[in-house]
Protein backbone atom coordinates (compact mmCIF):
# COMPACT_ATOMS: atom_id res chain seq x y z
CA UNK A 1 106.50 68.04 -45.09
CA UNK A 2 105.97 64.80 -43.61
CA UNK A 3 104.05 61.55 -43.58
CA UNK A 4 103.17 58.98 -41.43
CA UNK A 5 103.63 55.80 -43.46
CA UNK A 6 103.29 52.74 -40.94
CA UNK A 7 105.56 50.77 -43.04
CA UNK A 8 109.59 50.01 -43.10
CA UNK A 9 110.72 52.69 -45.36
CA UNK A 10 113.00 51.00 -47.74
CA UNK A 11 114.46 53.87 -49.65
CA UNK A 12 113.66 57.24 -50.20
CA UNK A 13 114.27 59.08 -53.59
CA UNK A 14 113.76 61.88 -55.88
CA UNK A 15 112.91 61.80 -59.35
CA UNK A 16 114.39 64.30 -62.28
CA UNK A 17 111.90 66.77 -61.73
CA UNK A 18 113.05 66.84 -57.78
CA UNK A 19 109.47 64.98 -57.54
CA UNK A 20 110.23 62.37 -53.42
CA UNK A 21 109.04 59.36 -54.01
CA UNK A 22 109.51 56.81 -50.70
CA UNK A 23 109.63 52.70 -51.74
CA UNK A 24 107.74 51.01 -48.36
CA UNK A 25 107.72 47.81 -46.62
CA UNK A 26 103.90 47.10 -47.39
CA UNK A 27 104.62 46.98 -51.16
CA UNK A 28 103.40 50.35 -51.89
CA UNK A 29 105.79 53.06 -53.96
CA UNK A 30 103.78 56.29 -52.61
CA UNK A 31 104.28 60.05 -53.83
CA UNK A 32 105.31 63.73 -51.93
CA UNK A 33 102.00 64.57 -53.96
CA UNK A 34 99.57 61.68 -52.89
CA UNK A 35 99.95 59.10 -54.68
CA UNK A 36 100.09 55.80 -53.66
CA UNK A 37 100.35 52.44 -55.44
CA UNK A 38 100.70 48.84 -54.47
CA UNK A 39 103.43 48.05 -56.35
CA UNK A 40 104.44 44.04 -54.78
CA UNK A 41 102.26 42.09 -53.20
CA UNK A 42 104.83 41.61 -49.90
CA UNK A 43 107.45 44.20 -49.20
CA UNK A 44 110.25 46.49 -50.96
CA UNK A 45 113.14 45.85 -50.61
CA UNK A 46 115.40 47.56 -53.31
CA UNK A 47 114.99 50.50 -55.23
CA UNK A 48 116.00 52.79 -57.33
CA UNK A 49 115.39 55.83 -59.48
CA UNK A 50 114.40 54.98 -63.81
CA UNK A 51 117.28 55.37 -65.44
CA UNK A 52 114.80 57.90 -67.75
CA UNK A 53 114.40 59.93 -64.11
CA UNK A 54 110.67 59.27 -63.87
CA UNK A 55 109.29 57.12 -61.60
CA UNK A 56 110.58 54.28 -59.49
CA UNK A 57 112.09 50.66 -60.12
CA UNK A 58 111.83 48.92 -57.25
CA UNK A 59 112.55 44.50 -56.66
CA UNK A 60 109.82 42.83 -53.82
CA UNK A 61 110.14 39.40 -52.80
CA UNK A 62 107.33 38.72 -54.27
CA UNK A 63 110.09 38.53 -57.32
CA UNK A 64 108.99 41.35 -59.34
CA UNK A 65 110.83 44.26 -60.49
CA UNK A 66 108.64 47.39 -61.36
CA UNK A 67 108.55 50.30 -62.97
CA UNK A 68 105.96 52.66 -60.89
CA UNK A 69 105.24 56.34 -61.84
CA UNK A 70 101.96 58.87 -61.68
CA UNK A 71 100.02 56.63 -63.40
CA UNK A 72 100.16 53.33 -61.75
CA UNK A 73 103.00 50.44 -61.51
CA UNK A 74 104.27 48.05 -64.25
CA UNK A 75 105.35 45.10 -63.34
CA UNK A 76 108.16 44.86 -66.09
CA UNK A 77 109.97 41.04 -64.86
CA UNK A 78 109.39 38.57 -62.28
CA UNK A 79 111.29 35.33 -60.97
CA UNK A 80 108.86 33.77 -59.11
CA UNK A 81 109.79 32.15 -55.72
CA UNK A 82 112.82 35.01 -55.24
CA UNK A 83 114.09 37.91 -54.07
CA UNK A 84 115.50 41.10 -56.09
CA UNK A 85 116.73 42.66 -53.38
CA UNK A 86 119.72 44.55 -55.37
CA UNK A 87 118.83 47.03 -57.76
CA UNK A 88 120.77 49.51 -59.93
CA UNK A 89 119.83 52.10 -62.65
CA UNK A 90 122.04 53.86 -65.31
CA UNK A 91 121.16 57.35 -67.30
CA UNK A 92 124.04 57.71 -68.74
CA UNK A 93 123.64 53.56 -70.54
CA UNK A 94 119.72 53.15 -70.10
CA UNK A 95 120.55 49.99 -68.88
CA UNK A 96 118.96 48.70 -65.33
CA UNK A 97 120.63 45.97 -63.01
CA UNK A 98 118.81 43.28 -60.55
CA UNK A 99 120.22 40.72 -58.58
CA UNK A 100 118.14 37.48 -57.39
CA UNK A 101 120.24 34.90 -55.13
CA UNK A 102 123.84 34.55 -57.65
CA UNK A 103 122.09 35.63 -60.45
CA UNK A 104 122.32 39.30 -61.81
CA UNK A 105 119.86 40.32 -65.09
CA UNK A 106 120.76 43.66 -67.37
CA UNK A 107 117.84 45.23 -69.70
CA UNK A 108 117.96 47.80 -71.71
CA UNK A 109 115.40 49.88 -71.17
CA UNK A 110 115.50 51.19 -75.20
CA UNK A 111 115.56 47.56 -76.40
CA UNK A 112 113.25 45.34 -75.02
CA UNK A 113 114.99 42.56 -76.84
CA UNK A 114 118.24 43.39 -74.89
CA UNK A 115 119.28 40.51 -71.50
CA UNK A 116 122.25 39.46 -70.14
CA UNK A 117 122.22 37.12 -67.62
CA UNK A 118 125.59 36.90 -64.93
CA UNK A 119 125.98 34.23 -62.62
CA UNK A 120 128.36 34.45 -59.18
CA UNK A 121 129.91 31.80 -57.29
CA UNK A 122 127.52 33.11 -53.88
CA UNK A 123 124.92 35.33 -53.40
CA UNK A 124 124.85 39.03 -54.61
CA UNK A 125 124.17 41.66 -52.09
CA UNK A 126 124.42 44.85 -53.68
CA UNK A 127 124.88 46.53 -57.62
CA UNK A 128 126.47 49.48 -58.59
CA UNK A 129 127.14 50.41 -62.10
CA UNK A 130 130.09 52.29 -62.63
CA UNK A 131 129.64 56.47 -63.75
CA UNK A 132 129.17 55.92 -67.71
CA UNK A 133 127.40 52.68 -67.21
CA UNK A 134 129.46 50.23 -68.97
CA UNK A 135 130.22 48.20 -65.87
CA UNK A 136 128.52 46.80 -63.51
CA UNK A 137 129.71 45.79 -59.68
CA UNK A 138 128.17 43.23 -57.65
CA UNK A 139 128.86 42.65 -54.43
CA UNK A 140 128.96 39.58 -52.85
CA UNK A 141 131.27 37.21 -50.15
CA UNK A 142 134.52 37.20 -50.96
CA UNK A 143 134.81 41.29 -52.80
CA UNK A 144 133.20 42.67 -55.80
CA UNK A 145 132.83 40.61 -59.64
CA UNK A 146 132.99 43.83 -62.22
CA UNK A 147 131.33 43.29 -65.76
CA UNK A 148 131.02 44.77 -68.76
CA UNK A 149 127.79 45.71 -68.79
CA UNK A 150 126.93 44.55 -72.28
CA UNK A 151 129.63 42.03 -73.54
CA UNK A 152 127.23 38.64 -73.43
CA UNK A 153 130.30 35.75 -72.83
CA UNK A 154 132.95 36.95 -70.27
CA UNK A 155 135.10 36.77 -67.26
CA UNK A 156 134.29 39.02 -63.99
CA UNK A 157 136.99 40.62 -62.77
CA UNK A 158 136.63 39.33 -59.50
CA UNK A 159 138.22 42.64 -56.58
CA UNK A 160 138.73 40.62 -53.55
CA UNK A 161 138.31 40.45 -49.93
CA UNK A 162 137.80 38.13 -46.97
CA UNK A 163 134.16 37.95 -45.83
CA UNK A 164 130.52 40.39 -46.84
CA UNK A 165 130.57 42.94 -48.65
CA UNK A 166 127.14 44.26 -48.73
CA UNK A 167 126.83 47.90 -50.27
CA UNK A 168 129.47 49.57 -53.00
CA UNK A 169 129.89 52.93 -53.92
CA UNK A 170 131.92 54.09 -57.19
CA UNK A 171 133.76 57.03 -57.28
CA UNK A 172 132.43 59.70 -59.36
CA UNK A 173 135.65 59.27 -61.09
CA UNK A 174 135.75 55.48 -61.81
CA UNK A 175 138.67 55.15 -60.34
CA UNK A 176 137.97 53.74 -56.70
CA UNK A 177 135.11 50.88 -55.85
CA UNK A 178 133.52 50.96 -52.31
CA UNK A 179 132.15 48.21 -50.73
CA UNK A 180 130.87 48.68 -46.73
CA UNK A 181 130.91 44.98 -44.85
CA UNK A 182 128.76 42.16 -42.85
CA UNK A 183 132.08 43.28 -40.28
CA UNK A 184 132.80 46.50 -38.85
CA UNK A 185 134.56 47.80 -41.61
CA UNK A 186 134.83 49.40 -44.83
CA UNK A 187 137.08 48.62 -48.01
CA UNK A 188 137.48 49.36 -51.46
CA UNK A 189 139.72 49.00 -54.25
CA UNK A 190 141.71 51.57 -57.25
CA UNK A 191 140.29 49.53 -59.85
CA UNK A 192 143.29 49.86 -62.65
CA UNK A 193 145.62 48.44 -60.27
CA UNK A 194 143.20 46.60 -57.98
CA UNK A 195 145.18 47.90 -54.43
CA UNK A 196 143.77 47.61 -51.55
CA UNK A 197 142.06 50.06 -49.56
CA UNK A 198 141.87 48.76 -46.13
CA UNK A 199 139.70 51.15 -43.63
CA UNK A 200 138.96 49.87 -40.68
CA UNK A 201 138.43 51.52 -36.88
CA UNK A 202 134.60 51.40 -36.84
CA UNK A 203 132.43 51.20 -33.55
CA UNK A 204 129.78 49.92 -35.43
CA UNK A 205 128.46 48.13 -39.09
CA UNK A 206 128.74 50.54 -41.80
CA UNK A 207 125.03 50.43 -43.48
CA UNK A 208 125.75 53.79 -45.84
CA UNK A 209 127.57 55.30 -48.33
CA UNK A 210 127.85 58.26 -50.28
CA UNK A 211 130.51 60.76 -52.61
CA UNK A 212 130.66 63.90 -52.45
CA UNK A 213 131.93 67.73 -53.44
CA UNK A 214 132.81 66.25 -56.67
CA UNK A 215 134.38 62.99 -55.38
CA UNK A 216 136.56 64.65 -53.17
CA UNK A 217 134.65 62.96 -50.22
CA UNK A 218 133.15 60.12 -49.15
CA UNK A 219 130.68 59.85 -45.77
CA UNK A 220 129.61 57.41 -43.77
CA UNK A 221 127.87 55.86 -41.01
CA UNK A 222 129.11 53.45 -38.73
CA UNK A 223 130.19 55.81 -36.58
CA UNK A 224 129.45 58.18 -33.81
CA UNK A 225 129.45 61.01 -36.41
CA UNK A 226 129.74 61.13 -40.07
CA UNK A 227 132.96 60.08 -41.28
CA UNK A 228 134.67 61.81 -43.65
CA UNK A 229 137.56 60.39 -45.79
CA UNK A 230 139.12 62.59 -48.44
CA UNK A 231 140.10 61.47 -51.93
CA UNK A 232 142.17 64.35 -53.42
CA UNK A 233 144.84 63.60 -55.66
CA UNK A 234 145.62 59.93 -57.81
CA UNK A 235 145.96 57.42 -54.25
CA UNK A 236 142.66 58.81 -52.72
CA UNK A 237 142.51 57.62 -49.66
CA UNK A 238 146.20 56.05 -48.94
CA UNK A 239 147.81 56.97 -46.13
CA UNK A 240 145.17 59.57 -44.75
CA UNK A 241 143.08 59.62 -41.93
CA UNK A 242 139.53 60.23 -41.87
CA UNK A 243 137.30 62.79 -40.48
CA UNK A 244 134.13 62.47 -37.63
CA UNK A 245 131.97 65.48 -38.26
CA UNK A 246 129.19 65.51 -35.82
CA UNK A 247 130.54 63.58 -33.17
CA UNK A 248 128.00 62.71 -30.28
CA UNK A 249 128.15 60.06 -27.50
CA UNK A 250 124.81 58.37 -27.17
CA UNK A 251 124.14 57.58 -30.43
CA UNK A 252 125.09 56.34 -33.75
CA UNK A 253 124.99 57.13 -37.35
CA UNK A 254 122.12 55.28 -38.97
CA UNK A 255 122.42 57.02 -43.40
CA UNK A 256 124.13 59.40 -44.72
CA UNK A 257 123.86 61.62 -47.68
CA UNK A 258 126.18 64.01 -50.30
CA UNK A 259 125.41 66.57 -52.40
CA UNK A 260 127.73 65.65 -55.64
CA UNK A 261 128.71 69.56 -55.99
CA UNK A 262 129.47 70.34 -51.96
CA UNK A 263 130.43 70.30 -49.33
CA UNK A 264 126.90 69.46 -48.15
CA UNK A 265 126.83 66.22 -45.64
CA UNK A 266 123.69 65.10 -44.62
CA UNK A 267 123.33 62.26 -41.62
CA UNK A 268 120.02 60.32 -39.86
CA UNK A 269 120.93 59.03 -36.82
CA UNK A 270 119.53 56.01 -34.76
CA UNK A 271 117.51 58.38 -32.80
CA UNK A 272 115.55 59.66 -35.30
CA UNK A 273 116.95 62.86 -36.08
CA UNK A 274 118.13 64.62 -39.67
CA UNK A 275 120.96 67.77 -39.36
CA UNK A 276 122.73 68.68 -42.24
CA UNK A 277 126.98 69.87 -42.24
CA UNK A 278 128.40 72.46 -44.65
CA UNK A 279 132.17 71.09 -44.39
CA UNK A 280 133.39 74.05 -45.16
CA UNK A 281 132.58 76.09 -42.27
CA UNK A 282 131.60 72.71 -40.17
CA UNK A 283 128.36 74.13 -38.24
CA UNK A 284 125.67 71.17 -37.73
CA UNK A 285 122.05 72.19 -39.10
CA UNK A 286 119.58 70.73 -37.49
CA UNK A 287 116.88 69.57 -40.45
CA UNK A 288 114.82 67.30 -37.89
CA UNK A 289 114.54 67.74 -33.91
CA UNK A 290 112.13 65.53 -33.11
CA UNK A 291 113.39 61.76 -32.27
CA UNK A 292 111.54 58.47 -33.08
CA UNK A 293 112.49 55.51 -35.01
CA UNK A 294 116.58 55.03 -36.34
CA UNK A 295 116.05 56.54 -39.94
CA UNK A 296 116.18 54.43 -42.65
CA UNK A 297 116.23 56.28 -46.32
CA UNK A 298 118.05 59.80 -46.10
CA UNK A 299 118.47 61.30 -50.39
CA UNK A 300 119.18 64.76 -51.55
CA UNK A 301 117.84 65.76 -54.59
CA UNK A 302 120.10 66.50 -57.60
CA UNK A 303 120.90 70.32 -56.76
CA UNK A 304 120.61 69.35 -52.86
CA UNK A 305 118.16 72.04 -52.70
CA UNK A 306 115.99 69.81 -50.84
CA UNK A 307 116.16 66.10 -48.70
CA UNK A 308 114.26 63.14 -47.99
CA UNK A 309 114.05 61.26 -45.83
CA UNK A 310 112.53 58.10 -44.42
CA UNK A 311 112.86 56.00 -41.00
CA UNK A 312 111.95 52.17 -39.87
CA UNK A 313 108.37 52.67 -38.62
CA UNK A 314 107.18 54.41 -41.63
CA UNK A 315 107.99 58.73 -40.32
CA UNK A 316 109.52 60.34 -43.49
CA UNK A 317 109.27 63.67 -44.75
CA UNK A 318 110.69 65.86 -47.54
CA UNK A 319 113.22 68.97 -46.40
CA UNK A 320 113.33 72.03 -48.62
CA UNK A 321 117.13 73.79 -48.14
């Protein structure tokens, strides 16, 4: 099933019922069953599935945080004159966090009175709750700041590494925090002892990263194939080499997705194609062979039975696997 939305696809995500949702640069949120909802007066900059699993949370350049379900959009918060461009939600703790400039706000979906505000020295570019939803990581210039999401007065733990950090991913066991950087590099930390993981050698910027196979592997974009790092054992990728899957000399991987419980990985290419690969056998299955605009969004459903994609020109689709 394919769609033509005529606006940049910011995110493609599945809710708890495996319904695909698309958040777009024209401010709309759309569902695969035909729902069209004008959530923002401007572009959607970030999106996450609501902690309840129902519909999407989105942040926009209109300063609004919006929850969109089949019944329509509801504005939860407004930050006039500011962009909400980073967002994370935890189904485990029921917490939502979003960033506007240097400030991060945290709310509890079950308690309207709960509010936390965390200030940073530089702008926050991404947010990620740990697997239990208790700690919140904020990407910023010079590293990542870690907060206990429910504690009001605290000093953050700062994981330092020079440069701009733009995208975060926690390992499923919570032991490692990985960061894509503004440079052509991936960095990470073993959180228990602040051990740095320097993972360079990329020919392009790493825009997308995803754990798969119960956290035993990390897949990233930024190369001519999907770069896969091993995360088995207490040292994670320390001292280990990455593998590159699906190498093509003439095109780069723009987005990756990983199946949480299997070795299935998906790649969205800059020429608009999409493929999947079971890393057990290394066989590439081309799921979208038609070329087009660069893939901007890619995700598996919870049990990896479906794959949703979107591109920079508003093309999108849902693939049954």
